[in-house]
Amino acid sequence: MYNIFKRKLKVLPVTEPVANFDGARLKRGRSYLMKEPKPEVAFEIFTSMVKGICAECARTEVFPCESIGCGECTLLCPCKHCEHTRAQGLCFTMDSPRETRQIYLLQITPIFWISKYGNDSVSPYNLELMASMIYEFLRRSKNPVVLLDGVEYLITINGFTPVLKFLHDIWEWVILYEAIFILPVSPAALEGRELALIERNMQQVDMPALNL
């Protein structure tokens, strides 16, 4: 177990403007495994959730309203009285945050580069810092969604056992805070036993069931 209070690094949960209505519907409190050579579908799912309406919304016809919760708004919008919260995302990726924002049109969602260099980066050697960031985000966000791209690289750098312990902490936090965790993995990059141990604690996404 990491000492998640050893170093403080705040990640402010923010909400993207509404941009779609038919995003992926994943259940809270669960971790999802995406088997794909490149994390393209995983990013599409993540983006559709953080830019979509709240999953529990029963009146999609009132959207878009990008002033949800605004006390000064006088429009007759039931969303002002909605008890649900739109998804707030946190992303770790092997690609540059700037390029990721441009591709998926993510404006304010926190995106961190798994790298030893550059701004908005987290060293692949520092699993403890990454765990601390994820924990603080889950604790502060009302409807958190976390995408972790590059687990194969983390295993190469740190070894499988430390990364599995790191993932196990995330799995437990996801249940505790009713969050959603998305983990894309290239099966060809892992040994069979390693993939089986990861699969044991995750659900595989049924691609045809997604509204993307």
N, C-alpha and C. Protein backbone atom coordinates (compact mmCIF):
# COMPACT_ATOMS: atom_id res chain seq x y z
N MET A 1 0.85 -1.20 0.00
CA MET A 1 0.00 0.00 0.00
C MET A 1 0.87 1.24 0.00
N TYR A 2 0.55 2.19 -0.85
CA TYR A 2 1.35 3.40 -0.95
C TYR A 2 1.04 4.37 0.17
N ASN A 3 2.03 5.16 0.53
CA ASN A 3 1.80 6.27 1.45
C ASN A 3 1.28 7.44 0.62
N ILE A 4 -0.01 7.46 0.38
CA ILE A 4 -0.59 8.42 -0.54
C ILE A 4 -0.61 9.83 0.01
N PHE A 5 -0.25 9.99 1.27
CA PHE A 5 -0.23 11.33 1.86
C PHE A 5 1.20 11.87 1.96
N LYS A 6 2.17 11.11 1.46
CA LYS A 6 3.56 11.53 1.57
C LYS A 6 3.82 12.80 0.76
N ARG A 7 3.27 12.88 -0.43
CA ARG A 7 3.44 14.05 -1.27
C ARG A 7 2.09 14.48 -1.79
N LYS A 8 1.74 15.75 -1.60
CA LYS A 8 0.46 16.26 -2.04
C LYS A 8 0.58 16.84 -3.45
N LEU A 9 -0.32 16.46 -4.33
CA LEU A 9 -0.40 17.04 -5.66
C LEU A 9 -1.88 17.09 -6.02
N LYS A 10 -2.42 18.29 -6.04
CA LYS A 10 -3.85 18.44 -6.24
C LYS A 10 -4.22 18.32 -7.72
N VAL A 11 -5.25 17.56 -7.99
CA VAL A 11 -5.82 17.46 -9.32
C VAL A 11 -7.27 17.92 -9.20
N LEU A 12 -7.57 19.09 -9.73
CA LEU A 12 -8.89 19.67 -9.58
C LEU A 12 -9.88 19.02 -10.53
N PRO A 13 -10.95 18.38 -10.02
CA PRO A 13 -11.98 17.82 -10.90
C PRO A 13 -12.74 18.93 -11.61
N VAL A 14 -12.87 18.82 -12.91
CA VAL A 14 -13.60 19.81 -13.71
C VAL A 14 -14.54 19.09 -14.65
N THR A 15 -15.52 19.82 -15.19
CA THR A 15 -16.54 19.23 -16.04
C THR A 15 -16.50 19.87 -17.41
N GLU A 16 -16.33 19.05 -18.44
CA GLU A 16 -16.32 19.54 -19.82
C GLU A 16 -17.72 20.02 -20.23
N PRO A 17 -17.81 20.98 -21.17
CA PRO A 17 -19.11 21.37 -21.71
C PRO A 17 -19.79 20.18 -22.39
N VAL A 18 -21.11 20.15 -22.38
CA VAL A 18 -21.85 19.08 -23.03
C VAL A 18 -21.60 19.12 -24.54
N ALA A 19 -21.25 17.96 -25.10
CA ALA A 19 -20.99 17.91 -26.53
C ALA A 19 -21.68 16.73 -27.22
N ASN A 20 -22.23 15.80 -26.44
CA ASN A 20 -22.92 14.67 -27.07
C ASN A 20 -24.02 14.15 -26.15
N PHE A 21 -24.87 13.32 -26.71
CA PHE A 21 -26.00 12.79 -25.95
C PHE A 21 -25.95 11.27 -25.80
N ASP A 22 -25.23 10.61 -26.66
CA ASP A 22 -25.23 9.16 -26.68
C ASP A 22 -23.86 8.60 -26.32
N GLY A 23 -23.36 8.99 -25.18
CA GLY A 23 -22.07 8.49 -24.73
C GLY A 23 -22.16 7.07 -24.21
N ALA A 24 -20.99 6.49 -23.95
CA ALA A 24 -20.95 5.14 -23.41
C ALA A 24 -21.58 5.11 -22.02
N ARG A 25 -22.23 4.01 -21.70
CA ARG A 25 -22.87 3.85 -20.41
C ARG A 25 -22.16 2.73 -19.64
N LEU A 26 -21.31 3.13 -18.74
CA LEU A 26 -20.61 2.19 -17.88
C LEU A 26 -21.07 2.38 -16.44
N LYS A 27 -21.09 1.32 -15.68
CA LYS A 27 -21.59 1.38 -14.32
C LYS A 27 -20.52 1.86 -13.35
N ARG A 28 -20.94 2.65 -12.40
CA ARG A 28 -20.01 3.16 -11.40
C ARG A 28 -19.55 2.04 -10.46
N GLY A 29 -18.39 2.29 -9.86
CA GLY A 29 -17.84 1.31 -8.93
C GLY A 29 -17.22 0.11 -9.61
N ARG A 30 -16.88 0.25 -10.90
CA ARG A 30 -16.34 -0.88 -11.63
C ARG A 30 -15.12 -0.46 -12.47
N SER A 31 -14.26 -1.44 -12.72
CA SER A 31 -13.06 -1.23 -13.53
C SER A 31 -13.22 -2.02 -14.82
N TYR A 32 -12.89 -1.39 -15.93
CA TYR A 32 -13.12 -1.98 -17.24
C TYR A 32 -11.82 -2.15 -18.01
N LEU A 33 -11.65 -3.33 -18.59
CA LEU A 33 -10.47 -3.66 -19.38
C LEU A 33 -10.81 -3.56 -20.86
N MET A 34 -9.97 -2.83 -21.60
CA MET A 34 -10.14 -2.68 -23.03
C MET A 34 -8.97 -3.35 -23.73
N LYS A 35 -9.22 -4.46 -24.43
CA LYS A 35 -8.16 -5.15 -25.16
C LYS A 35 -8.11 -4.61 -26.58
N GLU A 36 -7.05 -3.87 -26.88
CA GLU A 36 -6.88 -3.33 -28.22
C GLU A 36 -5.41 -2.96 -28.43
N PRO A 37 -4.90 -3.11 -29.64
CA PRO A 37 -3.49 -2.80 -29.91
C PRO A 37 -3.14 -1.36 -29.59
N LYS A 38 -4.03 -0.45 -29.93
CA LYS A 38 -3.86 0.96 -29.59
C LYS A 38 -5.10 1.42 -28.85
N PRO A 39 -4.98 2.34 -27.88
CA PRO A 39 -6.11 2.70 -27.02
C PRO A 39 -7.10 3.66 -27.67
N GLU A 40 -7.50 3.38 -28.90
CA GLU A 40 -8.39 4.29 -29.61
C GLU A 40 -9.82 4.24 -29.08
N VAL A 41 -10.37 3.03 -28.94
CA VAL A 41 -11.74 2.89 -28.45
C VAL A 41 -11.82 3.33 -27.00
N ALA A 42 -10.79 3.03 -26.21
CA ALA A 42 -10.77 3.44 -24.80
C ALA A 42 -10.88 4.95 -24.68
N PHE A 43 -10.15 5.68 -25.52
CA PHE A 43 -10.21 7.14 -25.49
C PHE A 43 -11.56 7.65 -25.97
N GLU A 44 -12.16 6.98 -26.94
CA GLU A 44 -13.48 7.38 -27.42
C GLU A 44 -14.52 7.21 -26.32
N ILE A 45 -14.42 6.11 -25.58
CA ILE A 45 -15.34 5.87 -24.47
C ILE A 45 -15.15 6.93 -23.39
N PHE A 46 -13.92 7.16 -23.01
CA PHE A 46 -13.60 8.16 -21.99
C PHE A 46 -14.12 9.53 -22.40
N THR A 47 -13.84 9.93 -23.63
CA THR A 47 -14.27 11.25 -24.12
C THR A 47 -15.78 11.36 -24.16
N SER A 48 -16.45 10.31 -24.63
CA SER A 48 -17.91 10.37 -24.72
C SER A 48 -18.55 10.52 -23.35
N MET A 49 -17.89 9.99 -22.32
CA MET A 49 -18.44 10.08 -20.97
C MET A 49 -18.23 11.46 -20.37
N VAL A 50 -17.02 12.02 -20.50
CA VAL A 50 -16.76 13.31 -19.87
C VAL A 50 -17.37 14.47 -20.64
N LYS A 51 -17.73 14.24 -21.90
CA LYS A 51 -18.36 15.29 -22.69
C LYS A 51 -19.85 15.06 -22.90
N GLY A 52 -20.38 14.00 -22.29
CA GLY A 52 -21.78 13.66 -22.46
C GLY A 52 -22.64 14.10 -21.30
N ILE A 53 -23.94 13.94 -21.46
CA ILE A 53 -24.87 14.25 -20.38
C ILE A 53 -24.71 13.21 -19.29
N CYS A 54 -25.26 13.49 -18.11
CA CYS A 54 -25.16 12.52 -17.03
C CYS A 54 -25.92 11.26 -17.42
N ALA A 55 -25.37 10.12 -17.05
CA ALA A 55 -25.93 8.84 -17.48
C ALA A 55 -27.36 8.64 -16.98
N GLU A 56 -27.71 9.29 -15.87
CA GLU A 56 -29.02 9.09 -15.27
C GLU A 56 -30.08 10.04 -15.82
N CYS A 57 -29.69 10.94 -16.74
CA CYS A 57 -30.63 11.95 -17.22
C CYS A 57 -31.77 11.30 -18.01
N ALA A 58 -32.99 11.67 -17.67
CA ALA A 58 -34.17 11.12 -18.35
C ALA A 58 -34.77 12.09 -19.34
N ARG A 59 -34.20 13.30 -19.45
CA ARG A 59 -34.78 14.31 -20.34
C ARG A 59 -33.69 14.91 -21.21
N THR A 60 -33.25 14.12 -22.19
CA THR A 60 -32.18 14.58 -23.08
C THR A 60 -32.62 15.73 -23.98
N GLU A 61 -33.93 15.92 -24.13
CA GLU A 61 -34.39 16.96 -25.04
C GLU A 61 -34.11 18.37 -24.55
N VAL A 62 -33.76 18.53 -23.27
CA VAL A 62 -33.50 19.87 -22.74
C VAL A 62 -32.09 20.34 -23.02
N PHE A 63 -31.23 19.45 -23.48
CA PHE A 63 -29.84 19.81 -23.71
C PHE A 63 -29.67 20.43 -25.09
N PRO A 64 -28.58 21.15 -25.37
CA PRO A 64 -27.48 21.39 -24.46
C PRO A 64 -27.71 22.59 -23.56
N CYS A 65 -27.27 22.49 -22.35
CA CYS A 65 -27.26 23.60 -21.40
C CYS A 65 -25.91 23.57 -20.71
N GLU A 66 -25.06 24.52 -21.03
CA GLU A 66 -23.71 24.53 -20.49
C GLU A 66 -23.59 25.45 -19.28
N SER A 67 -24.73 25.74 -18.64
CA SER A 67 -24.72 26.53 -17.42
C SER A 67 -25.35 25.74 -16.29
N ILE A 68 -25.13 24.43 -16.30
CA ILE A 68 -25.72 23.57 -15.28
C ILE A 68 -25.24 24.01 -13.91
N GLY A 69 -26.19 24.27 -13.03
CA GLY A 69 -25.84 24.70 -11.69
C GLY A 69 -25.67 26.19 -11.54
N CYS A 70 -25.81 26.93 -12.62
CA CYS A 70 -25.62 28.38 -12.56
C CYS A 70 -26.83 29.02 -11.89
N GLY A 71 -26.61 29.71 -10.78
CA GLY A 71 -27.70 30.33 -10.03
C GLY A 71 -28.33 31.52 -10.72
N GLU A 72 -27.62 32.12 -11.68
CA GLU A 72 -28.14 33.30 -12.36
C GLU A 72 -29.00 32.96 -13.57
N CYS A 73 -28.96 31.71 -14.00
CA CYS A 73 -29.71 31.32 -15.19
C CYS A 73 -31.21 31.32 -14.89
N THR A 74 -32.00 31.91 -15.80
CA THR A 74 -33.46 31.98 -15.62
C THR A 74 -34.20 31.05 -16.57
N LEU A 75 -33.47 30.27 -17.36
CA LEU A 75 -34.13 29.36 -18.29
C LEU A 75 -34.83 28.24 -17.54
N LEU A 76 -35.92 27.76 -18.11
CA LEU A 76 -36.67 26.67 -17.50
C LEU A 76 -35.97 25.35 -17.82
N CYS A 77 -34.96 25.07 -17.07
CA CYS A 77 -34.16 23.87 -17.32
C CYS A 77 -34.20 22.98 -16.09
N PRO A 78 -34.76 21.76 -16.20
CA PRO A 78 -34.83 20.87 -15.04
C PRO A 78 -33.46 20.43 -14.54
N CYS A 79 -32.42 20.65 -15.37
CA CYS A 79 -31.08 20.23 -14.95
C CYS A 79 -30.60 21.02 -13.74
N LYS A 80 -31.16 22.21 -13.53
CA LYS A 80 -30.75 23.00 -12.37
C LYS A 80 -31.18 22.33 -11.08
N HIS A 81 -32.16 21.45 -11.17
CA HIS A 81 -32.67 20.77 -9.99
C HIS A 81 -32.27 19.29 -9.98
N CYS A 82 -31.42 18.91 -10.92
CA CYS A 82 -31.01 17.51 -11.03
C CYS A 82 -30.04 17.17 -9.90
N GLU A 83 -30.23 16.01 -9.30
CA GLU A 83 -29.36 15.57 -8.21
C GLU A 83 -28.15 14.79 -8.72
N HIS A 84 -28.11 14.54 -10.01
CA HIS A 84 -27.01 13.77 -10.58
C HIS A 84 -25.87 14.71 -11.00
N THR A 85 -24.73 14.14 -11.25
CA THR A 85 -23.54 14.90 -11.61
C THR A 85 -22.92 14.33 -12.87
N ARG A 86 -22.58 15.19 -13.81
CA ARG A 86 -21.92 14.74 -15.03
C ARG A 86 -20.52 14.23 -14.70
N ALA A 87 -20.03 13.34 -15.53
CA ALA A 87 -18.73 12.70 -15.29
C ALA A 87 -17.60 13.72 -15.36
N GLN A 88 -16.62 13.53 -14.48
CA GLN A 88 -15.40 14.32 -14.48
C GLN A 88 -14.23 13.37 -14.67
N GLY A 89 -13.34 13.68 -15.61
CA GLY A 89 -12.31 12.74 -16.00
C GLY A 89 -10.90 13.09 -15.59
N LEU A 90 -10.06 12.08 -15.49
CA LEU A 90 -8.63 12.21 -15.26
C LEU A 90 -7.95 11.21 -16.18
N CYS A 91 -6.94 11.67 -16.93
CA CYS A 91 -6.32 10.83 -17.94
C CYS A 91 -4.80 10.81 -17.80
N PHE A 92 -4.22 9.61 -17.89
CA PHE A 92 -2.78 9.43 -18.00
C PHE A 92 -2.52 8.75 -19.34
N THR A 93 -1.60 9.29 -20.13
CA THR A 93 -1.41 8.78 -21.47
C THR A 93 0.05 8.76 -21.88
N MET A 94 0.38 7.93 -22.87
CA MET A 94 1.72 7.86 -23.42
C MET A 94 1.95 8.95 -24.47
N ASP A 95 0.87 9.56 -24.95
CA ASP A 95 0.97 10.63 -25.94
C ASP A 95 1.00 11.98 -25.24
N SER A 96 1.39 13.01 -25.97
CA SER A 96 1.46 14.33 -25.38
C SER A 96 0.06 14.83 -25.05
N PRO A 97 -0.11 15.49 -23.91
CA PRO A 97 -1.43 16.03 -23.55
C PRO A 97 -1.98 16.99 -24.61
N ARG A 98 -1.10 17.78 -25.20
CA ARG A 98 -1.56 18.75 -26.21
C ARG A 98 -2.17 18.03 -27.42
N GLU A 99 -1.50 16.98 -27.89
CA GLU A 99 -2.02 16.23 -29.03
C GLU A 99 -3.32 15.52 -28.67
N THR A 100 -3.39 14.98 -27.47
CA THR A 100 -4.60 14.28 -27.03
C THR A 100 -5.78 15.25 -26.97
N ARG A 101 -5.55 16.45 -26.47
CA ARG A 101 -6.63 17.45 -26.42
C ARG A 101 -7.11 17.81 -27.82
N GLN A 102 -6.18 17.92 -28.75
CA GLN A 102 -6.55 18.30 -30.12
C GLN A 102 -7.34 17.20 -30.81
N ILE A 103 -6.95 15.96 -30.59
CA ILE A 103 -7.63 14.84 -31.24
C ILE A 103 -9.04 14.65 -30.70
N TYR A 104 -9.18 14.71 -29.36
CA TYR A 104 -10.46 14.39 -28.74
C TYR A 104 -11.22 15.62 -28.26
N LEU A 105 -10.71 16.80 -28.56
CA LEU A 105 -11.38 18.06 -28.23
C LEU A 105 -11.69 18.16 -26.74
N LEU A 106 -10.72 17.78 -25.94
CA LEU A 106 -10.86 17.89 -24.48
C LEU A 106 -10.28 19.24 -24.06
N GLN A 107 -11.10 20.08 -23.46
CA GLN A 107 -10.68 21.45 -23.16
C GLN A 107 -10.02 21.57 -21.79
N ILE A 108 -10.63 21.02 -20.77
CA ILE A 108 -10.17 21.29 -19.40
C ILE A 108 -9.93 20.04 -18.57
N THR A 109 -10.23 18.87 -19.10
CA THR A 109 -9.99 17.63 -18.37
C THR A 109 -8.50 17.46 -18.08
N PRO A 110 -8.11 17.16 -16.84
CA PRO A 110 -6.69 16.95 -16.51
C PRO A 110 -6.10 15.77 -17.29
N ILE A 111 -5.04 16.04 -18.04
CA ILE A 111 -4.36 15.01 -18.82
C ILE A 111 -2.87 15.07 -18.49
N PHE A 112 -2.30 13.93 -18.11
CA PHE A 112 -0.90 13.88 -17.74
C PHE A 112 -0.14 12.91 -18.63
N TRP A 113 1.06 13.33 -19.01
CA TRP A 113 1.93 12.55 -19.88
C TRP A 113 2.81 11.64 -19.03
N ILE A 114 2.79 10.35 -19.29
CA ILE A 114 3.66 9.41 -18.59
C ILE A 114 5.04 9.51 -19.22
N SER A 115 5.86 10.35 -18.64
CA SER A 115 7.16 10.64 -19.22
C SER A 115 8.07 11.26 -18.17
N LYS A 116 9.38 11.18 -18.41
CA LYS A 116 10.35 11.82 -17.52
C LYS A 116 10.60 13.27 -17.90
N TYR A 117 9.99 13.72 -19.00
CA TYR A 117 10.30 15.05 -19.51
C TYR A 117 9.03 15.86 -19.74
N GLY A 118 9.18 17.19 -19.81
CA GLY A 118 8.10 18.07 -20.21
C GLY A 118 7.15 18.44 -19.10
N ASN A 119 6.28 19.39 -19.43
CA ASN A 119 5.25 19.83 -18.50
C ASN A 119 4.10 18.82 -18.47
N ASP A 120 3.31 18.89 -17.41
CA ASP A 120 2.15 17.98 -17.25
C ASP A 120 2.59 16.52 -17.40
N SER A 121 3.75 16.19 -16.85
CA SER A 121 4.25 14.83 -16.96
C SER A 121 4.37 14.19 -15.59
N VAL A 122 4.27 12.87 -15.57
CA VAL A 122 4.47 12.06 -14.38
C VAL A 122 5.46 10.97 -14.74
N SER A 123 6.53 10.84 -13.99
CA SER A 123 7.56 9.86 -14.31
C SER A 123 6.99 8.44 -14.22
N PRO A 124 7.29 7.59 -15.19
CA PRO A 124 6.82 6.20 -15.12
C PRO A 124 7.42 5.44 -13.94
N TYR A 125 8.50 5.96 -13.37
CA TYR A 125 9.12 5.33 -12.20
C TYR A 125 8.37 5.66 -10.91
N ASN A 126 7.53 6.69 -10.95
CA ASN A 126 6.90 7.19 -9.73
C ASN A 126 5.45 6.71 -9.62
N LEU A 127 5.28 5.44 -9.36
CA LEU A 127 3.92 4.90 -9.20
C LEU A 127 3.23 5.50 -7.98
N GLU A 128 4.01 5.83 -6.96
CA GLU A 128 3.43 6.38 -5.74
C GLU A 128 2.78 7.73 -6.01
N LEU A 129 3.43 8.58 -6.79
CA LEU A 129 2.86 9.88 -7.12
C LEU A 129 1.60 9.71 -7.96
N MET A 130 1.64 8.82 -8.93
CA MET A 130 0.48 8.57 -9.78
C MET A 130 -0.69 8.05 -8.95
N ALA A 131 -0.40 7.16 -8.02
CA ALA A 131 -1.44 6.64 -7.14
C ALA A 131 -2.04 7.75 -6.29
N SER A 132 -1.19 8.63 -5.78
CA SER A 132 -1.67 9.74 -4.96
C SER A 132 -2.59 10.66 -5.75
N MET A 133 -2.22 10.95 -7.00
CA MET A 133 -3.04 11.81 -7.85
C MET A 133 -4.40 11.18 -8.11
N ILE A 134 -4.40 9.88 -8.41
CA ILE A 134 -5.67 9.20 -8.67
C ILE A 134 -6.54 9.17 -7.43
N TYR A 135 -5.94 8.87 -6.29
CA TYR A 135 -6.71 8.82 -5.04
C TYR A 135 -7.34 10.17 -4.71
N GLU A 136 -6.57 11.24 -4.81
CA GLU A 136 -7.09 12.57 -4.50
C GLU A 136 -8.20 12.96 -5.47
N PHE A 137 -8.03 12.60 -6.73
CA PHE A 137 -9.08 12.90 -7.72
C PHE A 137 -10.36 12.15 -7.41
N LEU A 138 -10.25 10.87 -7.12
CA LEU A 138 -11.44 10.08 -6.80
C LEU A 138 -12.13 10.61 -5.55
N ARG A 139 -11.34 11.04 -4.59
CA ARG A 139 -11.90 11.53 -3.34
C ARG A 139 -12.64 12.87 -3.53
N ARG A 140 -12.15 13.71 -4.43
CA ARG A 140 -12.70 15.04 -4.61
C ARG A 140 -13.81 15.12 -5.65
N SER A 141 -13.81 14.22 -6.61
CA SER A 141 -14.78 14.27 -7.70
C SER A 141 -16.09 13.60 -7.29
N LYS A 142 -17.19 14.10 -7.84
CA LYS A 142 -18.51 13.55 -7.53
C LYS A 142 -18.88 12.39 -8.46
N ASN A 143 -18.32 12.35 -9.64
CA ASN A 143 -18.62 11.28 -10.59
C ASN A 143 -17.37 11.02 -11.43
N PRO A 144 -16.32 10.43 -10.83
CA PRO A 144 -15.02 10.34 -11.48
C PRO A 144 -14.88 9.20 -12.48
N VAL A 145 -14.14 9.51 -13.56
CA VAL A 145 -13.77 8.51 -14.57
C VAL A 145 -12.28 8.65 -14.80
N VAL A 146 -11.54 7.56 -14.65
CA VAL A 146 -10.08 7.59 -14.82
C VAL A 146 -9.68 6.67 -15.97
N LEU A 147 -8.86 7.21 -16.88
CA LEU A 147 -8.29 6.42 -17.97
C LEU A 147 -6.79 6.34 -17.79
N LEU A 148 -6.26 5.12 -17.75
CA LEU A 148 -4.82 4.90 -17.62
C LEU A 148 -4.31 4.19 -18.86
N ASP A 149 -3.63 4.93 -19.71
CA ASP A 149 -3.02 4.38 -20.92
C ASP A 149 -1.53 4.18 -20.66
N GLY A 150 -0.99 3.05 -21.09
CA GLY A 150 0.44 2.82 -20.95
C GLY A 150 0.83 1.87 -19.85
N VAL A 151 -0.08 1.02 -19.41
CA VAL A 151 0.26 0.09 -18.32
C VAL A 151 1.36 -0.88 -18.75
N GLU A 152 1.44 -1.19 -20.05
CA GLU A 152 2.50 -2.07 -20.52
C GLU A 152 3.88 -1.44 -20.28
N TYR A 153 3.98 -0.14 -20.51
CA TYR A 153 5.23 0.58 -20.29
C TYR A 153 5.57 0.64 -18.81
N LEU A 154 4.56 0.84 -17.97
CA LEU A 154 4.79 0.87 -16.53
C LEU A 154 5.32 -0.47 -16.04
N ILE A 155 4.83 -1.55 -16.62
CA ILE A 155 5.31 -2.88 -16.25
C ILE A 155 6.76 -3.07 -16.68
N THR A 156 7.10 -2.58 -17.86
CA THR A 156 8.47 -2.68 -18.35
C THR A 156 9.44 -1.93 -17.43
N ILE A 157 9.03 -0.77 -16.96
CA ILE A 157 9.89 0.07 -16.14
C ILE A 157 9.99 -0.45 -14.70
N ASN A 158 8.85 -0.83 -14.12
CA ASN A 158 8.78 -1.13 -12.68
C ASN A 158 8.70 -2.62 -12.35
N GLY A 159 8.42 -3.45 -13.34
CA GLY A 159 8.17 -4.85 -13.07
C GLY A 159 6.68 -5.09 -12.87
N PHE A 160 6.24 -6.33 -13.05
CA PHE A 160 4.81 -6.61 -13.01
C PHE A 160 4.22 -6.52 -11.61
N THR A 161 4.91 -7.07 -10.60
CA THR A 161 4.35 -7.11 -9.25
C THR A 161 4.04 -5.71 -8.69
N PRO A 162 4.95 -4.73 -8.76
CA PRO A 162 4.61 -3.39 -8.27
C PRO A 162 3.44 -2.77 -9.01
N VAL A 163 3.36 -3.00 -10.32
CA VAL A 163 2.25 -2.43 -11.09
C VAL A 163 0.93 -3.10 -10.72
N LEU A 164 0.97 -4.41 -10.49
CA LEU A 164 -0.26 -5.10 -10.08
C LEU A 164 -0.74 -4.58 -8.74
N LYS A 165 0.17 -4.33 -7.80
CA LYS A 165 -0.21 -3.75 -6.51
C LYS A 165 -0.79 -2.35 -6.71
N PHE A 166 -0.20 -1.58 -7.59
CA PHE A 166 -0.69 -0.25 -7.94
C PHE A 166 -2.11 -0.32 -8.49
N LEU A 167 -2.34 -1.26 -9.41
CA LEU A 167 -3.68 -1.43 -9.99
C LEU A 167 -4.68 -1.91 -8.93
N HIS A 168 -4.22 -2.78 -8.04
CA HIS A 168 -5.12 -3.30 -7.00
C HIS A 168 -5.62 -2.17 -6.10
N ASP A 169 -4.75 -1.22 -5.78
CA ASP A 169 -5.18 -0.06 -5.00
C ASP A 169 -6.25 0.73 -5.75
N ILE A 170 -6.03 0.93 -7.04
CA ILE A 170 -7.01 1.67 -7.85
C ILE A 170 -8.34 0.94 -7.88
N TRP A 171 -8.31 -0.38 -8.06
CA TRP A 171 -9.55 -1.16 -8.09
C TRP A 171 -10.35 -0.97 -6.80
N GLU A 172 -9.65 -0.97 -5.67
CA GLU A 172 -10.35 -0.80 -4.39
C GLU A 172 -10.91 0.61 -4.24
N TRP A 173 -10.15 1.61 -4.65
CA TRP A 173 -10.62 3.00 -4.57
C TRP A 173 -11.83 3.22 -5.47
N VAL A 174 -11.82 2.58 -6.63
CA VAL A 174 -12.94 2.72 -7.58
C VAL A 174 -14.23 2.23 -6.93
N ILE A 175 -14.15 1.13 -6.21
CA ILE A 175 -15.33 0.61 -5.50
C ILE A 175 -15.73 1.55 -4.38
N LEU A 176 -14.75 2.02 -3.63
CA LEU A 176 -15.01 2.88 -2.48
C LEU A 176 -15.69 4.18 -2.88
N TYR A 177 -15.25 4.78 -3.98
CA TYR A 177 -15.78 6.09 -4.39
C TYR A 177 -16.75 6.00 -5.57
N GLU A 178 -17.20 4.79 -5.90
CA GLU A 178 -18.17 4.59 -6.98
C GLU A 178 -17.72 5.28 -8.26
N ALA A 179 -16.47 5.03 -8.60
CA ALA A 179 -15.87 5.63 -9.78
C ALA A 179 -15.89 4.64 -10.94
N ILE A 180 -15.32 5.06 -12.07
CA ILE A 180 -15.16 4.21 -13.24
C ILE A 180 -13.70 4.27 -13.66
N PHE A 181 -13.10 3.10 -13.86
CA PHE A 181 -11.70 3.01 -14.25
C PHE A 181 -11.60 2.29 -15.58
N ILE A 182 -10.94 2.91 -16.56
CA ILE A 182 -10.79 2.34 -17.89
C ILE A 182 -9.31 2.05 -18.13
N LEU A 183 -8.99 0.81 -18.44
CA LEU A 183 -7.60 0.39 -18.63
C LEU A 183 -7.46 -0.28 -20.00
N PRO A 184 -6.91 0.43 -20.99
CA PRO A 184 -6.62 -0.22 -22.28
C PRO A 184 -5.34 -1.03 -22.18
N VAL A 185 -5.35 -2.21 -22.78
CA VAL A 185 -4.20 -3.11 -22.74
C VAL A 185 -4.04 -3.78 -24.10
N SER A 186 -2.79 -3.87 -24.56
CA SER A 186 -2.48 -4.64 -25.76
C SER A 186 -2.10 -6.05 -25.33
N PRO A 187 -2.95 -7.05 -25.58
CA PRO A 187 -2.66 -8.42 -25.11
C PRO A 187 -1.32 -8.94 -25.59
N ALA A 188 -0.88 -8.52 -26.77
CA ALA A 188 0.38 -9.02 -27.32
C ALA A 188 1.60 -8.51 -26.54
N ALA A 189 1.40 -7.46 -25.76
CA ALA A 189 2.51 -6.86 -25.03
C ALA A 189 2.71 -7.46 -23.64
N LEU A 190 1.79 -8.34 -23.22
CA LEU A 190 1.87 -8.93 -21.89
C LEU A 190 1.94 -10.45 -21.97
N GLU A 191 2.53 -11.05 -20.95
CA GLU A 191 2.53 -12.51 -20.85
C GLU A 191 1.14 -12.98 -20.44
N GLY A 192 0.83 -14.22 -20.77
CA GLY A 192 -0.50 -14.76 -20.49
C GLY A 192 -0.88 -14.68 -19.02
N ARG A 193 0.06 -15.02 -18.14
CA ARG A 193 -0.22 -15.00 -16.70
C ARG A 193 -0.49 -13.58 -16.22
N GLU A 194 0.29 -12.62 -16.72
CA GLU A 194 0.11 -11.23 -16.33
C GLU A 194 -1.27 -10.73 -16.74
N LEU A 195 -1.64 -11.01 -17.97
CA LEU A 195 -2.95 -10.57 -18.46
C LEU A 195 -4.07 -11.22 -17.66
N ALA A 196 -3.91 -12.49 -17.31
CA ALA A 196 -4.93 -13.21 -16.55
C ALA A 196 -5.12 -12.59 -15.16
N LEU A 197 -4.03 -12.17 -14.52
CA LEU A 197 -4.13 -11.57 -13.19
C LEU A 197 -4.82 -10.20 -13.27
N ILE A 198 -4.60 -9.48 -14.35
CA ILE A 198 -5.28 -8.19 -14.51
C ILE A 198 -6.76 -8.42 -14.82
N GLU A 199 -7.04 -9.38 -15.69
CA GLU A 199 -8.43 -9.67 -16.06
C GLU A 199 -9.26 -10.10 -14.86
N ARG A 200 -8.63 -10.73 -13.89
CA ARG A 200 -9.36 -11.28 -12.74
C ARG A 200 -10.13 -10.22 -11.98
N ASN A 201 -9.63 -8.98 -11.98
CA ASN A 201 -10.25 -7.92 -11.20
C ASN A 201 -10.95 -6.87 -12.06
N MET A 202 -11.14 -7.19 -13.34
CA MET A 202 -11.74 -6.20 -14.22
C MET A 202 -12.82 -6.83 -15.09
N GLN A 203 -13.69 -5.98 -15.61
CA GLN A 203 -14.71 -6.42 -16.55
C GLN A 203 -14.29 -6.01 -17.96
N GLN A 204 -14.51 -6.89 -18.91
CA GLN A 204 -14.20 -6.55 -20.29
C GLN A 204 -15.39 -5.82 -20.92
N VAL A 205 -15.09 -4.81 -21.69
CA VAL A 205 -16.15 -4.02 -22.30
C VAL A 205 -16.70 -4.74 -23.52
N ASP A 206 -18.02 -4.80 -23.59
CA ASP A 206 -18.69 -5.38 -24.73
C ASP A 206 -18.83 -4.30 -25.80
N MET A 207 -17.97 -4.31 -26.80
CA MET A 207 -17.93 -3.24 -27.80
C MET A 207 -19.28 -2.97 -28.47
N PRO A 208 -20.00 -4.00 -28.93
CA PRO A 208 -21.27 -3.72 -29.62
C PRO A 208 -22.30 -3.05 -28.73
N ALA A 209 -22.16 -3.17 -27.42
CA ALA A 209 -23.15 -2.60 -26.50
C ALA A 209 -22.94 -1.11 -26.28
N LEU A 210 -21.81 -0.56 -26.77
CA LEU A 210 -21.50 0.83 -26.54
C LEU A 210 -22.16 1.71 -27.59
N ASN A 211 -22.67 2.85 -27.15
CA ASN A 211 -23.30 3.78 -28.06
C ASN A 211 -22.29 4.84 -28.47
N LEU A 212 -21.39 4.50 -29.37
CA LEU A 212 -20.34 5.41 -29.79
C LEU A 212 -20.53 5.79 -31.24
